[in-house]
């Protein structure tokens, strides 16, 4: 079984609700605990690169993500990412990386909140990265999309195929 590189960048999937002030923040990542809870036995190398809301991501952050993907010997890479700019980061990566299978994943509801889609989405990404050919993909809502054929439907609160 091939090693999977999992790069943590933040996003809603990793946000924590602060009951004292009602805000969402990033005290720490939930991803290792999620993998343990799911009893995931895939060989995964976890790297916490940053914990950021994707609306605060810069081109320098995208460059860091790209460098981390390229520096890894793994051919299969999962990136946890905020949903608002996930497609932008996928586009940035697609400009230079063609030989790896990269799946970006996030959540509409934080893992720490009941009824979250985080665990399901992460599991979907782990399966998808092992089955897909080289390319850049987004998996959300039980679906896998090519990076350039997807958009976030903010009204519906889900990702859907674009008309491209």
N, C-alpha and C. Protein backbone atom coordinates (compact mmCIF):
# COMPACT_ATOMS: atom_id res chain seq x y z
N UNK A 1 0.84 -1.18 0.00
CA UNK A 1 0.00 0.00 0.00
C UNK A 1 0.89 1.25 0.00
N UNK A 2 0.57 2.20 -0.85
CA UNK A 2 1.37 3.41 -0.97
C UNK A 2 1.10 4.37 0.19
N UNK A 3 2.11 5.13 0.54
CA UNK A 3 1.99 6.15 1.57
C UNK A 3 1.18 7.32 1.04
N UNK A 4 0.28 7.84 1.87
CA UNK A 4 -0.50 9.03 1.55
C UNK A 4 0.03 10.18 2.38
N UNK A 5 0.29 11.30 1.74
CA UNK A 5 0.68 12.53 2.44
C UNK A 5 -0.59 13.32 2.71
N UNK A 6 -0.83 13.71 3.96
CA UNK A 6 -2.00 14.52 4.31
C UNK A 6 -1.50 15.85 4.85
N UNK A 7 -1.78 16.90 4.10
CA UNK A 7 -1.32 18.25 4.47
C UNK A 7 -2.49 19.02 5.06
N UNK A 8 -2.32 19.48 6.28
CA UNK A 8 -3.36 20.24 6.98
C UNK A 8 -3.12 21.73 6.78
N UNK A 9 -4.15 22.44 6.28
CA UNK A 9 -4.01 23.89 6.11
C UNK A 9 -5.06 24.68 6.87
N UNK A 10 -6.04 24.00 7.44
CA UNK A 10 -7.08 24.71 8.20
C UNK A 10 -8.43 24.56 7.54
N UNK A 11 -9.21 25.62 7.57
CA UNK A 11 -10.55 25.59 7.02
C UNK A 11 -11.56 25.14 8.06
N UNK A 12 -12.81 25.18 7.68
CA UNK A 12 -13.90 24.85 8.58
C UNK A 12 -13.75 23.46 9.20
N UNK A 13 -13.22 22.51 8.46
CA UNK A 13 -13.05 21.15 8.97
C UNK A 13 -12.34 21.14 10.32
N UNK A 14 -11.41 22.07 10.52
CA UNK A 14 -10.58 22.10 11.73
C UNK A 14 -10.97 23.20 12.72
N UNK A 15 -12.02 23.95 12.45
CA UNK A 15 -12.40 25.01 13.38
C UNK A 15 -13.04 24.43 14.64
N UNK A 16 -12.88 25.18 15.70
CA UNK A 16 -13.43 24.80 17.01
C UNK A 16 -14.34 25.92 17.49
N UNK A 17 -15.50 25.55 18.00
CA UNK A 17 -16.44 26.55 18.52
C UNK A 17 -16.04 26.91 19.94
N UNK A 18 -15.82 28.20 20.18
CA UNK A 18 -15.49 28.71 21.51
C UNK A 18 -16.79 29.13 22.18
N UNK A 19 -17.23 28.33 23.14
CA UNK A 19 -18.52 28.61 23.78
C UNK A 19 -18.47 29.86 24.66
N UNK A 20 -17.30 30.37 24.99
CA UNK A 20 -17.21 31.58 25.81
C UNK A 20 -17.50 32.85 25.02
N UNK A 21 -17.04 32.88 23.75
CA UNK A 21 -17.27 34.10 22.96
C UNK A 21 -18.07 33.84 21.68
N UNK A 22 -18.42 32.59 21.43
CA UNK A 22 -19.24 32.26 20.27
C UNK A 22 -18.50 32.29 18.95
N UNK A 23 -17.18 32.38 18.98
CA UNK A 23 -16.39 32.45 17.75
C UNK A 23 -15.81 31.09 17.39
N UNK A 24 -15.49 30.95 16.11
CA UNK A 24 -14.80 29.76 15.62
C UNK A 24 -13.32 30.11 15.51
N UNK A 25 -12.46 29.20 15.99
CA UNK A 25 -11.03 29.46 15.97
C UNK A 25 -10.28 28.15 15.71
N UNK A 26 -8.96 28.24 15.71
CA UNK A 26 -8.10 27.09 15.43
C UNK A 26 -7.12 26.83 16.59
N UNK A 27 -7.59 26.32 17.72
CA UNK A 27 -6.62 26.05 18.79
C UNK A 27 -5.68 24.90 18.44
N UNK A 28 -6.15 23.93 17.66
CA UNK A 28 -5.34 22.78 17.24
C UNK A 28 -6.09 22.03 16.15
N UNK A 29 -5.39 21.15 15.46
CA UNK A 29 -6.04 20.36 14.42
C UNK A 29 -6.77 19.15 15.01
N UNK A 30 -7.85 18.78 14.38
CA UNK A 30 -8.62 17.59 14.78
C UNK A 30 -8.25 16.37 13.93
N UNK A 31 -7.49 16.55 12.88
CA UNK A 31 -7.28 15.50 11.88
C UNK A 31 -6.69 14.21 12.45
N UNK A 32 -5.60 14.24 13.24
CA UNK A 32 -5.10 12.96 13.78
C UNK A 32 -6.16 12.22 14.62
N UNK A 33 -6.93 12.95 15.40
CA UNK A 33 -7.99 12.33 16.19
C UNK A 33 -9.09 11.75 15.33
N UNK A 34 -9.39 12.43 14.22
CA UNK A 34 -10.40 11.93 13.29
C UNK A 34 -9.94 10.62 12.66
N UNK A 35 -8.67 10.55 12.26
CA UNK A 35 -8.13 9.32 11.67
C UNK A 35 -8.18 8.17 12.66
N UNK A 36 -7.86 8.48 13.93
CA UNK A 36 -7.91 7.46 14.97
C UNK A 36 -9.34 7.00 15.22
N UNK A 37 -10.26 7.95 15.33
CA UNK A 37 -11.67 7.62 15.56
C UNK A 37 -12.23 6.76 14.42
N UNK A 38 -11.82 7.06 13.20
CA UNK A 38 -12.30 6.32 12.03
C UNK A 38 -11.63 4.95 11.90
N UNK A 39 -10.63 4.69 12.75
CA UNK A 39 -9.88 3.43 12.70
C UNK A 39 -9.23 3.24 11.32
N UNK A 40 -8.76 4.35 10.77
CA UNK A 40 -8.13 4.34 9.46
C UNK A 40 -6.79 3.62 9.55
N UNK A 41 -6.61 2.62 8.69
CA UNK A 41 -5.36 1.86 8.70
C UNK A 41 -4.49 2.16 7.47
N UNK A 42 -4.95 3.09 6.64
CA UNK A 42 -4.10 3.50 5.51
C UNK A 42 -2.84 4.16 6.07
N UNK A 43 -1.73 3.98 5.38
CA UNK A 43 -0.47 4.58 5.82
C UNK A 43 -0.48 6.05 5.44
N UNK A 44 -0.62 6.92 6.45
CA UNK A 44 -0.77 8.35 6.20
C UNK A 44 0.28 9.13 6.98
N UNK A 45 1.00 9.98 6.28
CA UNK A 45 1.97 10.89 6.87
C UNK A 45 1.30 12.26 6.99
N UNK A 46 1.01 12.68 8.22
CA UNK A 46 0.29 13.93 8.46
C UNK A 46 1.29 15.07 8.68
N UNK A 47 1.06 16.18 7.98
CA UNK A 47 1.88 17.38 8.14
C UNK A 47 0.96 18.57 8.36
N UNK A 48 1.08 19.21 9.51
CA UNK A 48 0.33 20.43 9.74
C UNK A 48 1.14 21.60 9.19
N UNK A 49 0.67 22.16 8.10
CA UNK A 49 1.37 23.27 7.45
C UNK A 49 0.93 24.60 8.04
N UNK A 50 -0.38 24.73 8.27
CA UNK A 50 -0.95 25.96 8.83
C UNK A 50 -2.36 25.64 9.29
N UNK A 51 -2.95 26.54 10.04
CA UNK A 51 -4.37 26.46 10.40
C UNK A 51 -4.96 27.82 10.10
N UNK A 52 -5.55 27.95 8.91
CA UNK A 52 -6.06 29.23 8.44
C UNK A 52 -7.45 29.10 7.87
N UNK A 53 -8.22 30.14 8.00
CA UNK A 53 -9.47 30.26 7.26
C UNK A 53 -9.07 30.49 5.81
N UNK A 54 -9.72 29.81 4.88
CA UNK A 54 -9.28 29.93 3.49
C UNK A 54 -9.47 31.34 2.92
N UNK A 55 -10.35 32.12 3.49
CA UNK A 55 -10.51 33.51 3.03
C UNK A 55 -9.29 34.35 3.35
N UNK A 56 -8.45 33.87 4.26
CA UNK A 56 -7.22 34.58 4.63
C UNK A 56 -5.99 34.03 3.92
N UNK A 57 -6.17 33.04 3.06
CA UNK A 57 -5.05 32.44 2.33
C UNK A 57 -4.46 33.42 1.34
N UNK A 58 -3.16 33.41 1.24
CA UNK A 58 -2.44 34.28 0.31
C UNK A 58 -1.76 33.42 -0.75
N UNK A 59 -1.19 34.08 -1.74
CA UNK A 59 -0.43 33.35 -2.75
C UNK A 59 0.78 32.67 -2.12
N UNK A 60 1.37 33.31 -1.11
CA UNK A 60 2.49 32.68 -0.39
C UNK A 60 2.06 31.38 0.28
N UNK A 61 0.83 31.37 0.83
CA UNK A 61 0.31 30.14 1.44
C UNK A 61 0.15 29.06 0.39
N UNK A 62 -0.38 29.42 -0.78
CA UNK A 62 -0.53 28.46 -1.88
C UNK A 62 0.83 27.93 -2.32
N UNK A 63 1.82 28.79 -2.32
CA UNK A 63 3.18 28.37 -2.69
C UNK A 63 3.73 27.38 -1.66
N UNK A 64 3.46 27.62 -0.38
CA UNK A 64 3.88 26.68 0.67
C UNK A 64 3.23 25.32 0.47
N UNK A 65 1.95 25.32 0.15
CA UNK A 65 1.22 24.08 -0.08
C UNK A 65 1.84 23.34 -1.27
N UNK A 66 2.08 24.08 -2.35
CA UNK A 66 2.69 23.48 -3.55
C UNK A 66 4.05 22.87 -3.22
N UNK A 67 4.89 23.61 -2.51
CA UNK A 67 6.22 23.11 -2.16
C UNK A 67 6.14 21.85 -1.30
N UNK A 68 5.17 21.81 -0.39
CA UNK A 68 4.99 20.64 0.45
C UNK A 68 4.58 19.43 -0.39
N UNK A 69 3.70 19.64 -1.36
CA UNK A 69 3.29 18.55 -2.26
C UNK A 69 4.49 18.03 -3.05
N UNK A 70 5.26 18.93 -3.60
CA UNK A 70 6.40 18.55 -4.43
C UNK A 70 7.53 17.92 -3.61
N UNK A 71 7.70 18.35 -2.36
CA UNK A 71 8.78 17.83 -1.52
C UNK A 71 8.50 16.41 -1.04
N UNK A 72 7.25 16.01 -1.04
CA UNK A 72 6.89 14.67 -0.56
C UNK A 72 7.18 13.62 -1.62
N UNK A 73 7.66 12.47 -1.15
CA UNK A 73 7.85 11.33 -2.05
C UNK A 73 6.53 10.66 -2.39
N UNK A 74 5.50 10.96 -1.61
CA UNK A 74 4.18 10.34 -1.83
C UNK A 74 3.60 10.79 -3.17
N UNK A 75 3.01 9.86 -3.88
CA UNK A 75 2.31 10.18 -5.13
C UNK A 75 0.86 10.55 -4.88
N UNK A 76 0.38 10.22 -3.68
CA UNK A 76 -1.01 10.50 -3.29
C UNK A 76 -1.00 11.51 -2.16
N UNK A 77 -1.68 12.64 -2.38
CA UNK A 77 -1.67 13.74 -1.42
C UNK A 77 -3.10 14.20 -1.15
N UNK A 78 -3.42 14.38 0.12
CA UNK A 78 -4.69 14.97 0.53
C UNK A 78 -4.37 16.29 1.20
N UNK A 79 -5.15 17.32 0.88
CA UNK A 79 -4.97 18.63 1.50
C UNK A 79 -6.29 19.02 2.15
N UNK A 80 -6.29 19.21 3.48
CA UNK A 80 -7.48 19.75 4.12
C UNK A 80 -7.44 21.26 3.90
N UNK A 81 -8.60 21.83 3.56
CA UNK A 81 -8.61 23.22 3.10
C UNK A 81 -9.99 23.81 3.33
N UNK A 82 -10.04 25.09 3.53
CA UNK A 82 -11.32 25.78 3.63
C UNK A 82 -12.03 25.79 2.29
N UNK A 83 -13.34 25.71 2.34
CA UNK A 83 -14.13 25.54 1.11
C UNK A 83 -14.24 26.81 0.27
N UNK A 84 -14.08 27.98 0.86
CA UNK A 84 -14.27 29.21 0.10
C UNK A 84 -13.24 29.43 -1.01
N UNK A 85 -12.00 29.02 -0.78
CA UNK A 85 -10.96 29.22 -1.80
C UNK A 85 -10.28 27.92 -2.23
N UNK A 86 -10.93 26.81 -1.93
CA UNK A 86 -10.39 25.49 -2.28
C UNK A 86 -10.12 25.37 -3.79
N UNK A 87 -11.06 25.84 -4.58
CA UNK A 87 -10.90 25.75 -6.04
C UNK A 87 -9.72 26.62 -6.50
N UNK A 88 -9.52 27.77 -5.88
CA UNK A 88 -8.39 28.64 -6.24
C UNK A 88 -7.05 27.96 -5.96
N UNK A 89 -6.95 27.31 -4.82
CA UNK A 89 -5.71 26.60 -4.49
C UNK A 89 -5.50 25.42 -5.45
N UNK A 90 -6.57 24.71 -5.76
CA UNK A 90 -6.46 23.60 -6.72
C UNK A 90 -5.95 24.11 -8.07
N UNK A 91 -6.46 25.24 -8.52
CA UNK A 91 -6.01 25.84 -9.78
C UNK A 91 -4.52 26.19 -9.71
N UNK A 92 -4.10 26.75 -8.58
CA UNK A 92 -2.69 27.12 -8.39
C UNK A 92 -1.80 25.88 -8.49
N UNK A 93 -2.21 24.80 -7.85
CA UNK A 93 -1.42 23.56 -7.87
C UNK A 93 -1.39 22.94 -9.26
N UNK A 94 -2.52 23.01 -9.96
CA UNK A 94 -2.62 22.39 -11.29
C UNK A 94 -1.69 23.04 -12.31
N UNK A 95 -1.25 24.26 -12.06
CA UNK A 95 -0.34 24.94 -12.98
C UNK A 95 1.02 24.28 -13.05
N UNK A 96 1.41 23.56 -11.98
CA UNK A 96 2.76 22.98 -11.97
C UNK A 96 2.83 21.51 -11.59
N UNK A 97 1.77 20.95 -11.04
CA UNK A 97 1.83 19.55 -10.59
C UNK A 97 0.88 18.71 -11.43
N UNK A 98 1.44 17.77 -12.17
CA UNK A 98 0.61 16.88 -12.98
C UNK A 98 0.83 15.41 -12.64
N UNK A 99 1.95 15.08 -12.02
CA UNK A 99 2.32 13.68 -11.85
C UNK A 99 1.84 13.05 -10.55
N UNK A 100 1.15 13.81 -9.71
CA UNK A 100 0.65 13.28 -8.43
C UNK A 100 -0.88 13.31 -8.42
N UNK A 101 -1.45 12.49 -7.57
CA UNK A 101 -2.89 12.53 -7.33
C UNK A 101 -3.10 13.36 -6.07
N UNK A 102 -3.76 14.51 -6.23
CA UNK A 102 -3.97 15.44 -5.12
C UNK A 102 -5.47 15.66 -4.95
N UNK A 103 -5.94 15.44 -3.73
CA UNK A 103 -7.35 15.63 -3.41
C UNK A 103 -7.47 16.68 -2.31
N UNK A 104 -8.20 17.75 -2.61
CA UNK A 104 -8.49 18.77 -1.60
C UNK A 104 -9.83 18.45 -0.97
N UNK A 105 -9.93 18.63 0.33
CA UNK A 105 -11.15 18.29 1.06
C UNK A 105 -11.34 19.26 2.21
N UNK A 106 -12.58 19.45 2.57
CA UNK A 106 -12.92 20.32 3.70
C UNK A 106 -14.26 19.92 4.27
N UNK A 107 -14.91 20.86 4.90
CA UNK A 107 -16.22 20.60 5.50
C UNK A 107 -17.04 21.88 5.50
N UNK A 108 -18.34 21.72 5.48
CA UNK A 108 -19.23 22.87 5.59
C UNK A 108 -19.54 23.17 7.05
N UNK A 109 -19.42 22.15 7.90
CA UNK A 109 -19.66 22.28 9.34
C UNK A 109 -18.44 21.73 10.06
N UNK A 110 -17.87 22.47 11.03
CA UNK A 110 -16.67 22.00 11.73
C UNK A 110 -16.84 20.61 12.34
N UNK A 111 -15.77 19.85 12.36
CA UNK A 111 -15.77 18.52 12.96
C UNK A 111 -16.27 18.57 14.40
N UNK A 112 -15.93 19.64 15.11
CA UNK A 112 -16.27 19.74 16.53
C UNK A 112 -17.75 20.00 16.79
N UNK A 113 -18.54 20.19 15.75
CA UNK A 113 -19.97 20.48 15.91
C UNK A 113 -20.79 19.28 15.44
N UNK A 114 -21.81 18.95 16.22
CA UNK A 114 -22.69 17.82 15.90
C UNK A 114 -23.26 17.98 14.49
N UNK A 115 -23.43 16.87 13.81
CA UNK A 115 -23.96 16.82 12.45
C UNK A 115 -22.95 17.33 11.40
N UNK A 116 -21.68 17.34 11.75
CA UNK A 116 -20.64 17.77 10.81
C UNK A 116 -20.48 16.77 9.67
N UNK A 117 -20.11 17.29 8.52
CA UNK A 117 -19.79 16.46 7.36
C UNK A 117 -18.29 16.15 7.29
N UNK A 118 -17.53 16.59 8.27
CA UNK A 118 -16.07 16.50 8.23
C UNK A 118 -15.55 15.07 8.13
N UNK A 119 -16.04 14.18 8.99
CA UNK A 119 -15.53 12.81 9.00
C UNK A 119 -15.85 12.10 7.68
N UNK A 120 -17.07 12.28 7.19
CA UNK A 120 -17.46 11.66 5.92
C UNK A 120 -16.59 12.19 4.78
N UNK A 121 -16.38 13.50 4.74
CA UNK A 121 -15.58 14.09 3.66
C UNK A 121 -14.13 13.61 3.72
N UNK A 122 -13.56 13.54 4.92
CA UNK A 122 -12.18 13.08 5.04
C UNK A 122 -12.07 11.62 4.59
N UNK A 123 -13.00 10.79 5.00
CA UNK A 123 -12.99 9.39 4.55
C UNK A 123 -13.12 9.27 3.05
N UNK A 124 -13.97 10.11 2.47
CA UNK A 124 -14.13 10.12 1.01
C UNK A 124 -12.81 10.48 0.33
N UNK A 125 -12.11 11.45 0.88
CA UNK A 125 -10.83 11.87 0.30
C UNK A 125 -9.78 10.76 0.37
N UNK A 126 -9.77 10.04 1.49
CA UNK A 126 -8.79 8.96 1.65
C UNK A 126 -9.04 7.85 0.62
N UNK A 127 -10.27 7.52 0.39
CA UNK A 127 -10.59 6.52 -0.64
C UNK A 127 -10.29 7.07 -2.04
N UNK A 128 -10.73 8.30 -2.31
CA UNK A 128 -10.57 8.89 -3.64
C UNK A 128 -9.10 8.98 -4.05
N UNK A 129 -8.24 9.42 -3.14
CA UNK A 129 -6.83 9.60 -3.51
C UNK A 129 -6.17 8.28 -3.88
N UNK A 130 -6.68 7.18 -3.34
CA UNK A 130 -6.11 5.87 -3.64
C UNK A 130 -6.62 5.30 -4.97
N UNK A 131 -7.75 5.79 -5.45
CA UNK A 131 -8.37 5.22 -6.64
C UNK A 131 -8.23 6.06 -7.91
N UNK A 132 -8.01 7.35 -7.74
CA UNK A 132 -7.98 8.26 -8.89
C UNK A 132 -6.62 8.27 -9.58
N UNK A 133 -6.60 8.54 -10.88
CA UNK A 133 -5.32 8.72 -11.58
C UNK A 133 -4.71 10.07 -11.20
N UNK A 134 -3.49 10.29 -11.62
CA UNK A 134 -2.82 11.57 -11.35
C UNK A 134 -3.69 12.73 -11.81
N UNK A 135 -3.74 13.76 -11.00
CA UNK A 135 -4.53 14.95 -11.30
C UNK A 135 -4.89 15.65 -10.01
N UNK A 136 -5.61 16.75 -10.14
CA UNK A 136 -6.03 17.56 -8.98
C UNK A 136 -7.55 17.46 -8.87
N UNK A 137 -8.02 17.11 -7.68
CA UNK A 137 -9.45 16.87 -7.47
C UNK A 137 -9.93 17.54 -6.19
N UNK A 138 -11.23 17.68 -6.11
CA UNK A 138 -11.90 18.15 -4.90
C UNK A 138 -12.96 17.12 -4.57
N UNK A 139 -13.02 16.71 -3.30
CA UNK A 139 -14.09 15.83 -2.88
C UNK A 139 -14.84 16.47 -1.73
N UNK A 140 -16.14 16.60 -1.94
CA UNK A 140 -17.05 17.16 -0.94
C UNK A 140 -18.43 16.55 -1.19
N UNK A 141 -19.21 16.43 -0.14
CA UNK A 141 -20.61 16.00 -0.28
C UNK A 141 -20.76 14.64 -0.94
N UNK A 142 -19.80 13.74 -0.76
CA UNK A 142 -19.89 12.41 -1.34
C UNK A 142 -19.61 12.35 -2.82
N UNK A 143 -19.05 13.42 -3.38
CA UNK A 143 -18.75 13.47 -4.80
C UNK A 143 -17.29 13.85 -5.01
N UNK A 144 -16.75 13.43 -6.15
CA UNK A 144 -15.39 13.79 -6.55
C UNK A 144 -15.49 14.63 -7.82
N UNK A 145 -14.77 15.74 -7.82
CA UNK A 145 -14.80 16.66 -8.96
C UNK A 145 -13.40 16.92 -9.48
N UNK A 146 -13.26 17.06 -10.80
CA UNK A 146 -12.02 17.60 -11.36
C UNK A 146 -11.94 19.04 -10.88
N UNK A 147 -10.73 19.51 -10.57
CA UNK A 147 -10.56 20.84 -9.98
C UNK A 147 -11.16 21.95 -10.85
N UNK A 148 -11.16 21.77 -12.16
CA UNK A 148 -11.60 22.83 -13.07
C UNK A 148 -13.05 22.65 -13.53
N UNK A 149 -13.77 21.74 -12.88
CA UNK A 149 -15.17 21.50 -13.26
C UNK A 149 -16.07 21.50 -12.03
N UNK A 150 -15.75 22.35 -11.06
CA UNK A 150 -16.50 22.38 -9.81
C UNK A 150 -16.64 23.81 -9.30
N UNK A 151 -17.71 24.04 -8.58
CA UNK A 151 -17.88 25.33 -7.89
C UNK A 151 -18.62 25.11 -6.60
N UNK A 152 -18.43 26.04 -5.68
CA UNK A 152 -19.13 25.99 -4.41
C UNK A 152 -20.44 26.76 -4.58
N UNK A 153 -21.54 26.07 -4.37
CA UNK A 153 -22.86 26.68 -4.43
C UNK A 153 -23.18 27.16 -3.02
N UNK A 154 -22.95 28.45 -2.77
CA UNK A 154 -23.13 28.99 -1.43
C UNK A 154 -24.58 29.00 -0.99
N UNK A 155 -25.49 29.10 -1.95
CA UNK A 155 -26.93 29.08 -1.62
C UNK A 155 -27.34 27.70 -1.08
N UNK A 156 -26.87 26.65 -1.76
CA UNK A 156 -27.23 25.28 -1.37
C UNK A 156 -26.31 24.73 -0.28
N UNK A 157 -25.14 25.37 -0.09
CA UNK A 157 -24.18 24.89 0.90
C UNK A 157 -23.52 23.60 0.50
N UNK A 158 -23.21 23.48 -0.80
CA UNK A 158 -22.55 22.26 -1.29
C UNK A 158 -21.76 22.57 -2.56
N UNK A 159 -20.92 21.62 -2.91
CA UNK A 159 -20.17 21.73 -4.14
C UNK A 159 -20.95 21.01 -5.24
N UNK A 160 -20.84 21.54 -6.44
CA UNK A 160 -21.51 20.91 -7.59
C UNK A 160 -20.66 21.10 -8.83
N UNK A 161 -20.94 20.27 -9.83
CA UNK A 161 -20.22 20.37 -11.09
C UNK A 161 -20.53 21.72 -11.73
N UNK A 162 -19.50 22.32 -12.29
CA UNK A 162 -19.70 23.59 -13.00
C UNK A 162 -20.08 23.30 -14.44
N UNK A 163 -20.53 24.31 -15.14
CA UNK A 163 -20.96 24.15 -16.52
C UNK A 163 -19.83 24.31 -17.52
N UNK A 164 -18.59 24.23 -17.03
CA UNK A 164 -17.42 24.41 -17.89
C UNK A 164 -17.22 23.21 -18.77
